[in-house]
Amino acid sequence: MNWHSLTKAFGIRTRSSRAQFELGEAYRRVFNGNPSRADQQLVLADIAAKAGWNTITPPSVASDELRFNEGKRAVFANIFAHISLAPADVQAFENAVRHEIVAEQQQS
């Protein structure tokens, strides 16, 4: 399966203003009704990337930063727990999230 992400949709490694606009539109459709499957996939991949879902917080960080990061991951884990994905979908999702994380890091 191919999972939608901004970097794949626009063939870019960084977040352009057009990509940011499209992400905002996808969020609006997801939360205001009538989302496409692509919208749902874009939003889920973005939430996972922003939550630091597949990142590790080094032990050298301050305890408040550690708690904050774990809180973000816990929120995403709660959302993800309610979604049922086939193993192939999980793999495609993980790849999409990695692409989004790279794009966000390059934008910063």
PDB file of N, CA and C in Angstrom:
ATOM      1  N   MET A   1       0.832  -1.180   0.000  1.00  0.00           N
ATOM      2  CA  MET A   1       0.000   0.000   0.000  1.00  0.00           C
ATOM      3  C   MET A   1       0.876   1.243   0.000  1.00  0.00           C
ATOM      4  N   ASN A   2       0.376   2.279  -0.607  1.00  0.00           N
ATOM      5  CA  ASN A   2       1.067   3.558  -0.632  1.00  0.00           C
ATOM      6  C   ASN A   2       0.328   4.527   0.283  1.00  0.00           C
ATOM      7  N   TRP A   3       1.011   5.054   1.265  1.00  0.00           N
ATOM      8  CA  TRP A   3       0.408   5.961   2.231  1.00  0.00           C
ATOM      9  C   TRP A   3       0.680   7.390   1.797  1.00  0.00           C
ATOM     10  N   HIS A   4      -0.328   8.233   1.850  1.00  0.00           N
ATOM     11  CA  HIS A   4      -0.173   9.629   1.448  1.00  0.00           C
ATOM     12  C   HIS A   4       0.580  10.426   2.499  1.00  0.00           C
ATOM     13  N   SER A   5       1.483  11.253   2.037  1.00  0.00           N
ATOM     14  CA  SER A   5       2.168  12.218   2.896  1.00  0.00           C
ATOM     15  C   SER A   5       2.452  13.448   2.051  1.00  0.00           C
ATOM     16  N   LEU A   6       2.713  14.552   2.690  1.00  0.00           N
ATOM     17  CA  LEU A   6       2.978  15.788   1.952  1.00  0.00           C
ATOM     18  C   LEU A   6       4.210  15.660   1.082  1.00  0.00           C
ATOM     19  N   THR A   7       5.246  15.047   1.617  1.00  0.00           N
ATOM     20  CA  THR A   7       6.486  14.948   0.845  1.00  0.00           C
ATOM     21  C   THR A   7       6.292  14.084  -0.392  1.00  0.00           C
ATOM     22  N   LYS A   8       5.465  13.049  -0.287  1.00  0.00           N
ATOM     23  CA  LYS A   8       5.196  12.217  -1.449  1.00  0.00           C
ATOM     24  C   LYS A   8       4.261  12.923  -2.426  1.00  0.00           C
ATOM     25  N   ALA A   9       3.256  13.590  -1.891  1.00  0.00           N
ATOM     26  CA  ALA A   9       2.279  14.254  -2.746  1.00  0.00           C
ATOM     27  C   ALA A   9       2.907  15.355  -3.590  1.00  0.00           C
ATOM     28  N   PHE A  10       3.872  16.052  -3.027  1.00  0.00           N
ATOM     29  CA  PHE A  10       4.469  17.179  -3.733  1.00  0.00           C
ATOM     30  C   PHE A  10       5.879  16.878  -4.231  1.00  0.00           C
ATOM     31  N   GLY A  11       6.367  15.664  -3.972  1.00  0.00           N
ATOM     32  CA  GLY A  11       7.682  15.281  -4.456  1.00  0.00           C
ATOM     33  C   GLY A  11       8.794  16.177  -3.947  1.00  0.00           C
ATOM     34  N   ILE A  12       8.680  16.593  -2.696  1.00  0.00           N
ATOM     35  CA  ILE A  12       9.647  17.518  -2.122  1.00  0.00           C
ATOM     36  C   ILE A  12      10.201  16.963  -0.828  1.00  0.00           C
ATOM     37  N   ARG A  13      11.281  17.518  -0.372  1.00  0.00           N
ATOM     38  CA  ARG A  13      11.875  17.116   0.898  1.00  0.00           C
ATOM     39  C   ARG A  13      11.646  18.161   1.985  1.00  0.00           C
ATOM     40  N   THR A  14      11.139  19.319   1.628  1.00  0.00           N
ATOM     41  CA  THR A  14      10.843  20.352   2.616  1.00  0.00           C
ATOM     42  C   THR A  14       9.386  20.772   2.448  1.00  0.00           C
ATOM     43  N   ARG A  15       8.878  21.449   3.442  1.00  0.00           N
ATOM     44  CA  ARG A  15       7.491  21.886   3.414  1.00  0.00           C
ATOM     45  C   ARG A  15       7.372  23.239   2.716  1.00  0.00           C
ATOM     46  N   SER A  16       6.789  23.250   1.549  1.00  0.00           N
ATOM     47  CA  SER A  16       6.545  24.493   0.830  1.00  0.00           C
ATOM     48  C   SER A  16       5.267  25.132   1.365  1.00  0.00           C
ATOM     49  N   SER A  17       5.035  26.373   1.004  1.00  0.00           N
ATOM     50  CA  SER A  17       3.806  27.034   1.442  1.00  0.00           C
ATOM     51  C   SER A  17       2.592  26.321   0.844  1.00  0.00           C
ATOM     52  N   ARG A  18       2.741  25.806  -0.365  1.00  0.00           N
ATOM     53  CA  ARG A  18       1.645  25.054  -0.992  1.00  0.00           C
ATOM     54  C   ARG A  18       1.349  23.782  -0.200  1.00  0.00           C
ATOM     55  N   ALA A  19       2.392  23.068   0.212  1.00  0.00           N
ATOM     56  CA  ALA A  19       2.205  21.855   0.998  1.00  0.00           C
ATOM     57  C   ALA A  19       1.555  22.177   2.338  1.00  0.00           C
ATOM     58  N   GLN A  20       1.989  23.258   2.974  1.00  0.00           N
ATOM     59  CA  GLN A  20       1.393  23.672   4.253  1.00  0.00           C
ATOM     60  C   GLN A  20      -0.087  23.999   4.074  1.00  0.00           C
ATOM     61  N   PHE A  21      -0.418  24.668   2.976  1.00  0.00           N
ATOM     62  CA  PHE A  21      -1.816  24.997   2.691  1.00  0.00           C
ATOM     63  C   PHE A  21      -2.632  23.719   2.531  1.00  0.00           C
ATOM     64  N   GLU A  22      -2.116  22.773   1.752  1.00  0.00           N
ATOM     65  CA  GLU A  22      -2.820  21.511   1.525  1.00  0.00           C
ATOM     66  C   GLU A  22      -3.016  20.733   2.821  1.00  0.00           C
ATOM     67  N   LEU A  23      -2.017  20.772   3.701  1.00  0.00           N
ATOM     68  CA  LEU A  23      -2.148  20.103   4.986  1.00  0.00           C
ATOM     69  C   LEU A  23      -3.261  20.746   5.809  1.00  0.00           C
ATOM     70  N   GLY A  24      -3.307  22.061   5.825  1.00  0.00           N
ATOM     71  CA  GLY A  24      -4.376  22.761   6.540  1.00  0.00           C
ATOM     72  C   GLY A  24      -5.749  22.401   6.002  1.00  0.00           C
ATOM     73  N   GLU A  25      -5.854  22.308   4.686  1.00  0.00           N
ATOM     74  CA  GLU A  25      -7.123  21.916   4.065  1.00  0.00           C
ATOM     75  C   GLU A  25      -7.490  20.484   4.445  1.00  0.00           C
ATOM     76  N   ALA A  26      -6.507  19.596   4.477  1.00  0.00           N
ATOM     77  CA  ALA A  26      -6.768  18.205   4.864  1.00  0.00           C
ATOM     78  C   ALA A  26      -7.275  18.145   6.303  1.00  0.00           C
ATOM     79  N   TYR A  27      -6.647  18.910   7.206  1.00  0.00           N
ATOM     80  CA  TYR A  27      -7.119  18.960   8.595  1.00  0.00           C
ATOM     81  C   TYR A  27      -8.560  19.459   8.658  1.00  0.00           C
ATOM     82  N   ARG A  28      -8.868  20.508   7.908  1.00  0.00           N
ATOM     83  CA  ARG A  28     -10.236  21.037   7.923  1.00  0.00           C
ATOM     84  C   ARG A  28     -11.236  19.986   7.445  1.00  0.00           C
ATOM     85  N   ARG A  29     -10.899  19.289   6.382  1.00  0.00           N
ATOM     86  CA  ARG A  29     -11.825  18.262   5.881  1.00  0.00           C
ATOM     87  C   ARG A  29     -11.968  17.109   6.875  1.00  0.00           C
ATOM     88  N   VAL A  30     -10.866  16.709   7.514  1.00  0.00           N
ATOM     89  CA  VAL A  30     -10.932  15.610   8.494  1.00  0.00           C
ATOM     90  C   VAL A  30     -11.827  15.983   9.665  1.00  0.00           C
ATOM     91  N   PHE A  31     -11.666  17.195  10.188  1.00  0.00           N
ATOM     92  CA  PHE A  31     -12.395  17.568  11.404  1.00  0.00           C
ATOM     93  C   PHE A  31     -13.718  18.281  11.154  1.00  0.00           C
ATOM     94  N   ASN A  32     -13.959  18.698   9.913  1.00  0.00           N
ATOM     95  CA  ASN A  32     -15.236  19.348   9.594  1.00  0.00           C
ATOM     96  C   ASN A  32     -16.124  18.472   8.726  1.00  0.00           C
ATOM     97  N   GLY A  33     -15.672  17.284   8.420  1.00  0.00           N
ATOM     98  CA  GLY A  33     -16.474  16.346   7.645  1.00  0.00           C
ATOM     99  C   GLY A  33     -16.023  16.222   6.201  1.00  0.00           C
ATOM    100  N   ASN A  34     -16.363  15.082   5.607  1.00  0.00           N
ATOM    101  CA  ASN A  34     -16.110  14.766   4.213  1.00  0.00           C
ATOM    102  C   ASN A  34     -14.635  14.668   3.826  1.00  0.00           C
ATOM    103  N   PRO A  35     -13.807  14.003   4.643  1.00  0.00           N
ATOM    104  CA  PRO A  35     -12.403  13.837   4.263  1.00  0.00           C
ATOM    105  C   PRO A  35     -12.231  12.685   3.273  1.00  0.00           C
ATOM    106  N   SER A  36     -11.236  12.790   2.445  1.00  0.00           N
ATOM    107  CA  SER A  36     -10.862  11.667   1.587  1.00  0.00           C
ATOM    108  C   SER A  36      -9.914  10.760   2.372  1.00  0.00           C
ATOM    109  N   ARG A  37      -9.651   9.602   1.832  1.00  0.00           N
ATOM    110  CA  ARG A  37      -8.676   8.705   2.478  1.00  0.00           C
ATOM    111  C   ARG A  37      -7.301   9.371   2.510  1.00  0.00           C
ATOM    112  N   ALA A  38      -6.960  10.079   1.438  1.00  0.00           N
ATOM    113  CA  ALA A  38      -5.679  10.796   1.394  1.00  0.00           C
ATOM    114  C   ALA A  38      -5.614  11.847   2.496  1.00  0.00           C
ATOM    115  N   ASP A  39      -6.715  12.575   2.726  1.00  0.00           N
ATOM    116  CA  ASP A  39      -6.755  13.568   3.807  1.00  0.00           C
ATOM    117  C   ASP A  39      -6.473  12.905   5.150  1.00  0.00           C
ATOM    118  N   GLN A  40      -7.128  11.787   5.404  1.00  0.00           N
ATOM    119  CA  GLN A  40      -6.952  11.081   6.662  1.00  0.00           C
ATOM    120  C   GLN A  40      -5.511  10.619   6.830  1.00  0.00           C
ATOM    121  N   GLN A  41      -4.931  10.117   5.759  1.00  0.00           N
ATOM    122  CA  GLN A  41      -3.551   9.636   5.832  1.00  0.00           C
ATOM    123  C   GLN A  41      -2.570  10.788   6.038  1.00  0.00           C
ATOM    124  N   LEU A  42      -2.794  11.902   5.352  1.00  0.00           N
ATOM    125  CA  LEU A  42      -1.926  13.076   5.526  1.00  0.00           C
ATOM    126  C   LEU A  42      -1.948  13.558   6.972  1.00  0.00           C
ATOM    127  N   VAL A  43      -3.146  13.669   7.520  1.00  0.00           N
ATOM    128  CA  VAL A  43      -3.300  14.186   8.878  1.00  0.00           C
ATOM    129  C   VAL A  43      -2.691  13.222   9.895  1.00  0.00           C
ATOM    130  N   LEU A  44      -2.938  11.936   9.749  1.00  0.00           N
ATOM    131  CA  LEU A  44      -2.381  10.981  10.696  1.00  0.00           C
ATOM    132  C   LEU A  44      -0.853  10.985  10.649  1.00  0.00           C
ATOM    133  N   ALA A  45      -0.285  11.029   9.456  1.00  0.00           N
ATOM    134  CA  ALA A  45       1.181  11.074   9.329  1.00  0.00           C
ATOM    135  C   ALA A  45       1.734  12.363   9.933  1.00  0.00           C
ATOM    136  N   ASP A  46       1.041  13.480   9.748  1.00  0.00           N
ATOM    137  CA  ASP A  46       1.498  14.747  10.316  1.00  0.00           C
ATOM    138  C   ASP A  46       1.439  14.728  11.837  1.00  0.00           C
ATOM    139  N   ILE A  47       0.350  14.209  12.390  1.00  0.00           N
ATOM    140  CA  ILE A  47       0.226  14.125  13.850  1.00  0.00           C
ATOM    141  C   ILE A  47       1.332  13.235  14.419  1.00  0.00           C
ATOM    142  N   ALA A  48       1.579  12.109  13.780  1.00  0.00           N
ATOM    143  CA  ALA A  48       2.629  11.204  14.257  1.00  0.00           C
ATOM    144  C   ALA A  48       3.990  11.885  14.218  1.00  0.00           C
ATOM    145  N   ALA A  49       4.270  12.611  13.146  1.00  0.00           N
ATOM    146  CA  ALA A  49       5.560  13.301  13.023  1.00  0.00           C
ATOM    147  C   ALA A  49       5.704  14.370  14.096  1.00  0.00           C
ATOM    148  N   LYS A  50       4.651  15.156  14.312  1.00  0.00           N
ATOM    149  CA  LYS A  50       4.709  16.227  15.314  1.00  0.00           C
ATOM    150  C   LYS A  50       4.768  15.674  16.737  1.00  0.00           C
ATOM    151  N   ALA A  51       4.211  14.485  16.931  1.00  0.00           N
ATOM    152  CA  ALA A  51       4.221  13.867  18.260  1.00  0.00           C
ATOM    153  C   ALA A  51       5.556  13.195  18.566  1.00  0.00           C
ATOM    154  N   GLY A  52       6.411  13.095  17.559  1.00  0.00           N
ATOM    155  CA  GLY A  52       7.677  12.404  17.787  1.00  0.00           C
ATOM    156  C   GLY A  52       7.479  10.925  17.993  1.00  0.00           C
ATOM    157  N   TRP A  53       6.491  10.377  17.312  1.00  0.00           N
ATOM    158  CA  TRP A  53       6.067   8.994  17.500  1.00  0.00           C
ATOM    159  C   TRP A  53       7.212   8.005  17.414  1.00  0.00           C
ATOM    160  N   ASN A  54       8.090   8.163  16.454  1.00  0.00           N
ATOM    161  CA  ASN A  54       9.162   7.176  16.315  1.00  0.00           C
ATOM    162  C   ASN A  54      10.534   7.792  16.583  1.00  0.00           C
ATOM    163  N   THR A  55      10.567   8.704  17.531  1.00  0.00           N
ATOM    164  CA  THR A  55      11.838   9.297  17.942  1.00  0.00           C
ATOM    165  C   THR A  55      12.126   8.936  19.394  1.00  0.00           C
ATOM    166  N   ILE A  56      13.353   9.139  19.781  1.00  0.00           N
ATOM    167  CA  ILE A  56      13.775   8.850  21.147  1.00  0.00           C
ATOM    168  C   ILE A  56      14.268  10.146  21.780  1.00  0.00           C
ATOM    169  N   THR A  57      13.821  10.407  22.974  1.00  0.00           N
ATOM    170  CA  THR A  57      14.310  11.559  23.717  1.00  0.00           C
ATOM    171  C   THR A  57      15.548  11.119  24.485  1.00  0.00           C
ATOM    172  N   PRO A  58      16.677  11.766  24.248  1.00  0.00           N
ATOM    173  CA  PRO A  58      17.891  11.347  24.944  1.00  0.00           C
ATOM    174  C   PRO A  58      17.781  11.570  26.452  1.00  0.00           C
ATOM    175  N   PRO A  59      18.442  10.748  27.221  1.00  0.00           N
ATOM    176  CA  PRO A  59      18.348  10.866  28.681  1.00  0.00           C
ATOM    177  C   PRO A  59      18.956  12.151  29.225  1.00  0.00           C
ATOM    178  N   SER A  60      19.706  12.851  28.415  1.00  0.00           N
ATOM    179  CA  SER A  60      20.371  14.067  28.886  1.00  0.00           C
ATOM    180  C   SER A  60      19.447  15.290  28.922  1.00  0.00           C
ATOM    181  N   VAL A  61      18.222  15.183  28.420  1.00  0.00           N
ATOM    182  CA  VAL A  61      17.324  16.338  28.410  1.00  0.00           C
ATOM    183  C   VAL A  61      16.726  16.564  29.794  1.00  0.00           C
ATOM    184  N   ALA A  62      16.254  17.768  30.002  1.00  0.00           N
ATOM    185  CA  ALA A  62      15.605  18.113  31.272  1.00  0.00           C
ATOM    186  C   ALA A  62      14.334  17.281  31.444  1.00  0.00           C
ATOM    187  N   SER A  63      13.980  17.024  32.682  1.00  0.00           N
ATOM    188  CA  SER A  63      12.828  16.163  32.952  1.00  0.00           C
ATOM    189  C   SER A  63      11.527  16.755  32.410  1.00  0.00           C
ATOM    190  N   ASP A  64      11.385  18.077  32.411  1.00  0.00           N
ATOM    191  CA  ASP A  64      10.155  18.664  31.879  1.00  0.00           C
ATOM    192  C   ASP A  64      10.052  18.456  30.366  1.00  0.00           C
ATOM    193  N   GLU A  65      11.171  18.498  29.656  1.00  0.00           N
ATOM    194  CA  GLU A  65      11.148  18.232  28.212  1.00  0.00           C
ATOM    195  C   GLU A  65      10.824  16.761  27.958  1.00  0.00           C
ATOM    196  N   LEU A  66      11.366  15.889  28.777  1.00  0.00           N
ATOM    197  CA  LEU A  66      11.070  14.465  28.649  1.00  0.00           C
ATOM    198  C   LEU A  66       9.580  14.211  28.849  1.00  0.00           C
ATOM    199  N   ARG A  67       9.011  14.803  29.879  1.00  0.00           N
ATOM    200  CA  ARG A  67       7.570  14.639  30.139  1.00  0.00           C
ATOM    201  C   ARG A  67       6.731  15.184  28.985  1.00  0.00           C
ATOM    202  N   PHE A  68       7.123  16.335  28.465  1.00  0.00           N
ATOM    203  CA  PHE A  68       6.406  16.937  27.350  1.00  0.00           C
ATOM    204  C   PHE A  68       6.433  16.010  26.133  1.00  0.00           C
ATOM    205  N   ASN A  69       7.616  15.500  25.810  1.00  0.00           N
ATOM    206  CA  ASN A  69       7.742  14.603  24.657  1.00  0.00           C
ATOM    207  C   ASN A  69       6.939  13.323  24.842  1.00  0.00           C
ATOM    208  N   GLU A  70       6.982  12.772  26.029  1.00  0.00           N
ATOM    209  CA  GLU A  70       6.213  11.553  26.301  1.00  0.00           C
ATOM    210  C   GLU A  70       4.714  11.830  26.247  1.00  0.00           C
ATOM    211  N   GLY A  71       4.306  13.015  26.658  1.00  0.00           N
ATOM    212  CA  GLY A  71       2.892  13.392  26.566  1.00  0.00           C
ATOM    213  C   GLY A  71       2.429  13.455  25.121  1.00  0.00           C
ATOM    214  N   LYS A  72       3.257  14.032  24.252  1.00  0.00           N
ATOM    215  CA  LYS A  72       2.903  14.087  22.826  1.00  0.00           C
ATOM    216  C   LYS A  72       2.762  12.672  22.265  1.00  0.00           C
ATOM    217  N   ARG A  73       3.706  11.817  22.594  1.00  0.00           N
ATOM    218  CA  ARG A  73       3.652  10.445  22.092  1.00  0.00           C
ATOM    219  C   ARG A  73       2.430   9.699  22.650  1.00  0.00           C
ATOM    220  N   ALA A  74       2.074   9.976  23.890  1.00  0.00           N
ATOM    221  CA  ALA A  74       0.918   9.316  24.490  1.00  0.00           C
ATOM    222  C   ALA A  74      -0.382   9.721  23.794  1.00  0.00           C
ATOM    223  N   VAL A  75      -0.493  10.981  23.429  1.00  0.00           N
ATOM    224  CA  VAL A  75      -1.692  11.436  22.708  1.00  0.00           C
ATOM    225  C   VAL A  75      -1.790  10.716  21.372  1.00  0.00           C
ATOM    226  N   PHE A  76      -0.667  10.665  20.647  1.00  0.00           N
ATOM    227  CA  PHE A  76      -0.701   9.963  19.363  1.00  0.00           C
ATOM    228  C   PHE A  76      -1.003   8.484  19.566  1.00  0.00           C
ATOM    229  N   ALA A  77      -0.403   7.853  20.563  1.00  0.00           N
ATOM    230  CA  ALA A  77      -0.644   6.429  20.822  1.00  0.00           C
ATOM    231  C   ALA A  77      -2.125   6.174  21.078  1.00  0.00           C
ATOM    232  N   ASN A  78      -2.792   7.096  21.755  1.00  0.00           N
ATOM    233  CA  ASN A  78      -4.222   6.959  22.010  1.00  0.00           C
ATOM    234  C   ASN A  78      -5.007   7.004  20.701  1.00  0.00           C
ATOM    235  N   ILE A  79      -4.663   7.926  19.824  1.00  0.00           N
ATOM    236  CA  ILE A  79      -5.331   8.008  18.518  1.00  0.00           C
ATOM    237  C   ILE A  79      -5.071   6.726  17.728  1.00  0.00           C
ATOM    238  N   PHE A  80      -3.814   6.314  17.674  1.00  0.00           N
ATOM    239  CA  PHE A  80      -3.421   5.158  16.873  1.00  0.00           C
ATOM    240  C   PHE A  80      -4.060   3.876  17.390  1.00  0.00           C
ATOM    241  N   ALA A  81      -4.296   3.789  18.694  1.00  0.00           N
ATOM    242  CA  ALA A  81      -4.908   2.602  19.286  1.00  0.00           C
ATOM    243  C   ALA A  81      -6.337   2.374  18.782  1.00  0.00           C
ATOM    244  N   HIS A  82      -6.971   3.429  18.312  1.00  0.00           N
ATOM    245  CA  HIS A  82      -8.349   3.322  17.832  1.00  0.00           C
ATOM    246  C   HIS A  82      -8.435   3.030  16.338  1.00  0.00           C
ATOM    247  N   ILE A  83      -7.288   2.903  15.690  1.00  0.00           N
ATOM    248  CA  ILE A  83      -7.257   2.680  14.252  1.00  0.00           C
ATOM    249  C   ILE A  83      -6.784   1.254  14.003  1.00  0.00           C
ATOM    250  N   SER A  84      -7.453   0.584  13.112  1.00  0.00           N
ATOM    251  CA  SER A  84      -7.069  -0.780  12.773  1.00  0.00           C
ATOM    252  C   SER A  84      -6.440  -0.776  11.381  1.00  0.00           C
ATOM    253  N   LEU A  85      -5.145  -1.074  11.328  1.00  0.00           N
ATOM    254  CA  LEU A  85      -4.423  -1.095  10.057  1.00  0.00           C
ATOM    255  C   LEU A  85      -3.855  -2.484   9.790  1.00  0.00           C
ATOM    256  N   ALA A  86      -3.864  -2.856   8.533  1.00  0.00           N
ATOM    257  CA  ALA A  86      -3.219  -4.111   8.116  1.00  0.00           C
ATOM    258  C   ALA A  86      -1.710  -3.925   8.232  1.00  0.00           C
ATOM    259  N   PRO A  87      -0.960  -5.017   8.386  1.00  0.00           N
ATOM    260  CA  PRO A  87       0.499  -4.898   8.502  1.00  0.00           C
ATOM    261  C   PRO A  87       1.135  -4.094   7.364  1.00  0.00           C
ATOM    262  N   ALA A  88       0.671  -4.278   6.141  1.00  0.00           N
ATOM    263  CA  ALA A  88       1.224  -3.514   5.014  1.00  0.00           C
ATOM    264  C   ALA A  88       0.929  -2.026   5.164  1.00  0.00           C
ATOM    265  N   ASP A  89      -0.231  -1.702   5.705  1.00  0.00           N
ATOM    266  CA  ASP A  89      -0.588  -0.300   5.933  1.00  0.00           C
ATOM    267  C   ASP A  89       0.299   0.316   7.006  1.00  0.00           C
ATOM    268  N   VAL A  90       0.606  -0.446   8.038  1.00  0.00           N
ATOM    269  CA  VAL A  90       1.468   0.051   9.108  1.00  0.00           C
ATOM    270  C   VAL A  90       2.852   0.378   8.554  1.00  0.00           C
ATOM    271  N   GLN A  91       3.385  -0.486   7.717  1.00  0.00           N
ATOM    272  CA  GLN A  91       4.696  -0.250   7.105  1.00  0.00           C
ATOM    273  C   GLN A  91       4.670   0.997   6.228  1.00  0.00           C
ATOM    274  N   ALA A  92       3.634   1.146   5.416  1.00  0.00           N
ATOM    275  CA  ALA A  92       3.509   2.325   4.554  1.00  0.00           C
ATOM    276  C   ALA A  92       3.360   3.593   5.398  1.00  0.00           C
ATOM    277  N   PHE A  93       2.594   3.491   6.482  1.00  0.00           N
ATOM    278  CA  PHE A  93       2.417   4.619   7.398  1.00  0.00           C
ATOM    279  C   PHE A  93       3.755   5.029   8.010  1.00  0.00           C
ATOM    280  N   GLU A  94       4.518   4.054   8.491  1.00  0.00           N
ATOM    281  CA  GLU A  94       5.821   4.348   9.092  1.00  0.00           C
ATOM    282  C   GLU A  94       6.744   5.061   8.097  1.00  0.00           C
ATOM    283  N   ASN A  95       6.735   4.624   6.857  1.00  0.00           N
ATOM    284  CA  ASN A  95       7.557   5.275   5.833  1.00  0.00           C
ATOM    285  C   ASN A  95       7.105   6.713   5.594  1.00  0.00           C
ATOM    286  N   ALA A  96       5.794   6.934   5.556  1.00  0.00           N
ATOM    287  CA  ALA A  96       5.266   8.290   5.355  1.00  0.00           C
ATOM    288  C   ALA A  96       5.673   9.201   6.511  1.00  0.00           C
ATOM    289  N   VAL A  97       5.610   8.689   7.728  1.00  0.00           N
ATOM    290  CA  VAL A  97       5.990   9.491   8.898  1.00  0.00           C
ATOM    291  C   VAL A  97       7.467   9.855   8.833  1.00  0.00           C
ATOM    292  N   ARG A  98       8.298   8.918   8.444  1.00  0.00           N
ATOM    293  CA  ARG A  98       9.735   9.220   8.311  1.00  0.00           C
ATOM    294  C   ARG A  98       9.970  10.338   7.315  1.00  0.00           C
ATOM    295  N   HIS A  99       9.260  10.308   6.200  1.00  0.00           N
ATOM    296  CA  HIS A  99       9.383  11.378   5.203  1.00  0.00           C
ATOM    297  C   HIS A  99       8.965  12.723   5.790  1.00  0.00           C
ATOM    298  N   GLU A 100       7.889  12.721   6.559  1.00  0.00           N
ATOM    299  CA  GLU A 100       7.402  13.967   7.157  1.00  0.00           C
ATOM    300  C   GLU A 100       8.389  14.512   8.185  1.00  0.00           C
ATOM    301  N   ILE A 101       8.983  13.634   8.970  1.00  0.00           N
ATOM    302  CA  ILE A 101       9.955  14.074   9.975  1.00  0.00           C
ATOM    303  C   ILE A 101      11.157  14.714   9.301  1.00  0.00           C
ATOM    304  N   VAL A 102      11.643  14.106   8.239  1.00  0.00           N
ATOM    305  CA  VAL A 102      12.781  14.674   7.506  1.00  0.00           C
ATOM    306  C   VAL A 102      12.415  16.045   6.951  1.00  0.00           C
ATOM    307  N   ALA A 103      11.229  16.165   6.375  1.00  0.00           N
ATOM    308  CA  ALA A 103      10.798  17.444   5.807  1.00  0.00           C
ATOM    309  C   ALA A 103      10.695  18.510   6.893  1.00  0.00           C
ATOM    310  N   GLU A 104      10.163  18.161   8.048  1.00  0.00           N
ATOM    311  CA  GLU A 104      10.054  19.134   9.138  1.00  0.00           C
ATOM    312  C   GLU A 104      11.424  19.549   9.655  1.00  0.00           C
ATOM    313  N   GLN A 105      12.341  18.611   9.752  1.00  0.00           N
ATOM    314  CA  GLN A 105      13.691  18.928  10.225  1.00  0.00           C
ATOM    315  C   GLN A 105      14.403  19.852   9.256  1.00  0.00           C
ATOM    316  N   GLN A 106      14.198  19.672   7.976  1.00  0.00           N
ATOM    317  CA  GLN A 106      14.840  20.512   6.989  1.00  0.00           C
ATOM    318  C   GLN A 106      14.208  21.892   6.917  1.00  0.00           C
ATOM    319  N   GLN A 107      12.961  21.990   7.348  1.00  0.00           N
ATOM    320  CA  GLN A 107      12.275  23.275   7.346  1.00  0.00           C
ATOM    321  C   GLN A 107      12.727  24.131   8.522  1.00  0.00           C
ATOM    322  N   SER A 108      13.099  23.495   9.622  1.00  0.00           N
ATOM    323  CA  SER A 108      13.479  24.225  10.835  1.00  0.00           C
ATOM    324  C   SER A 108      14.786  24.953  10.683  1.00  0.00           C
TER     325      SER A 108
END
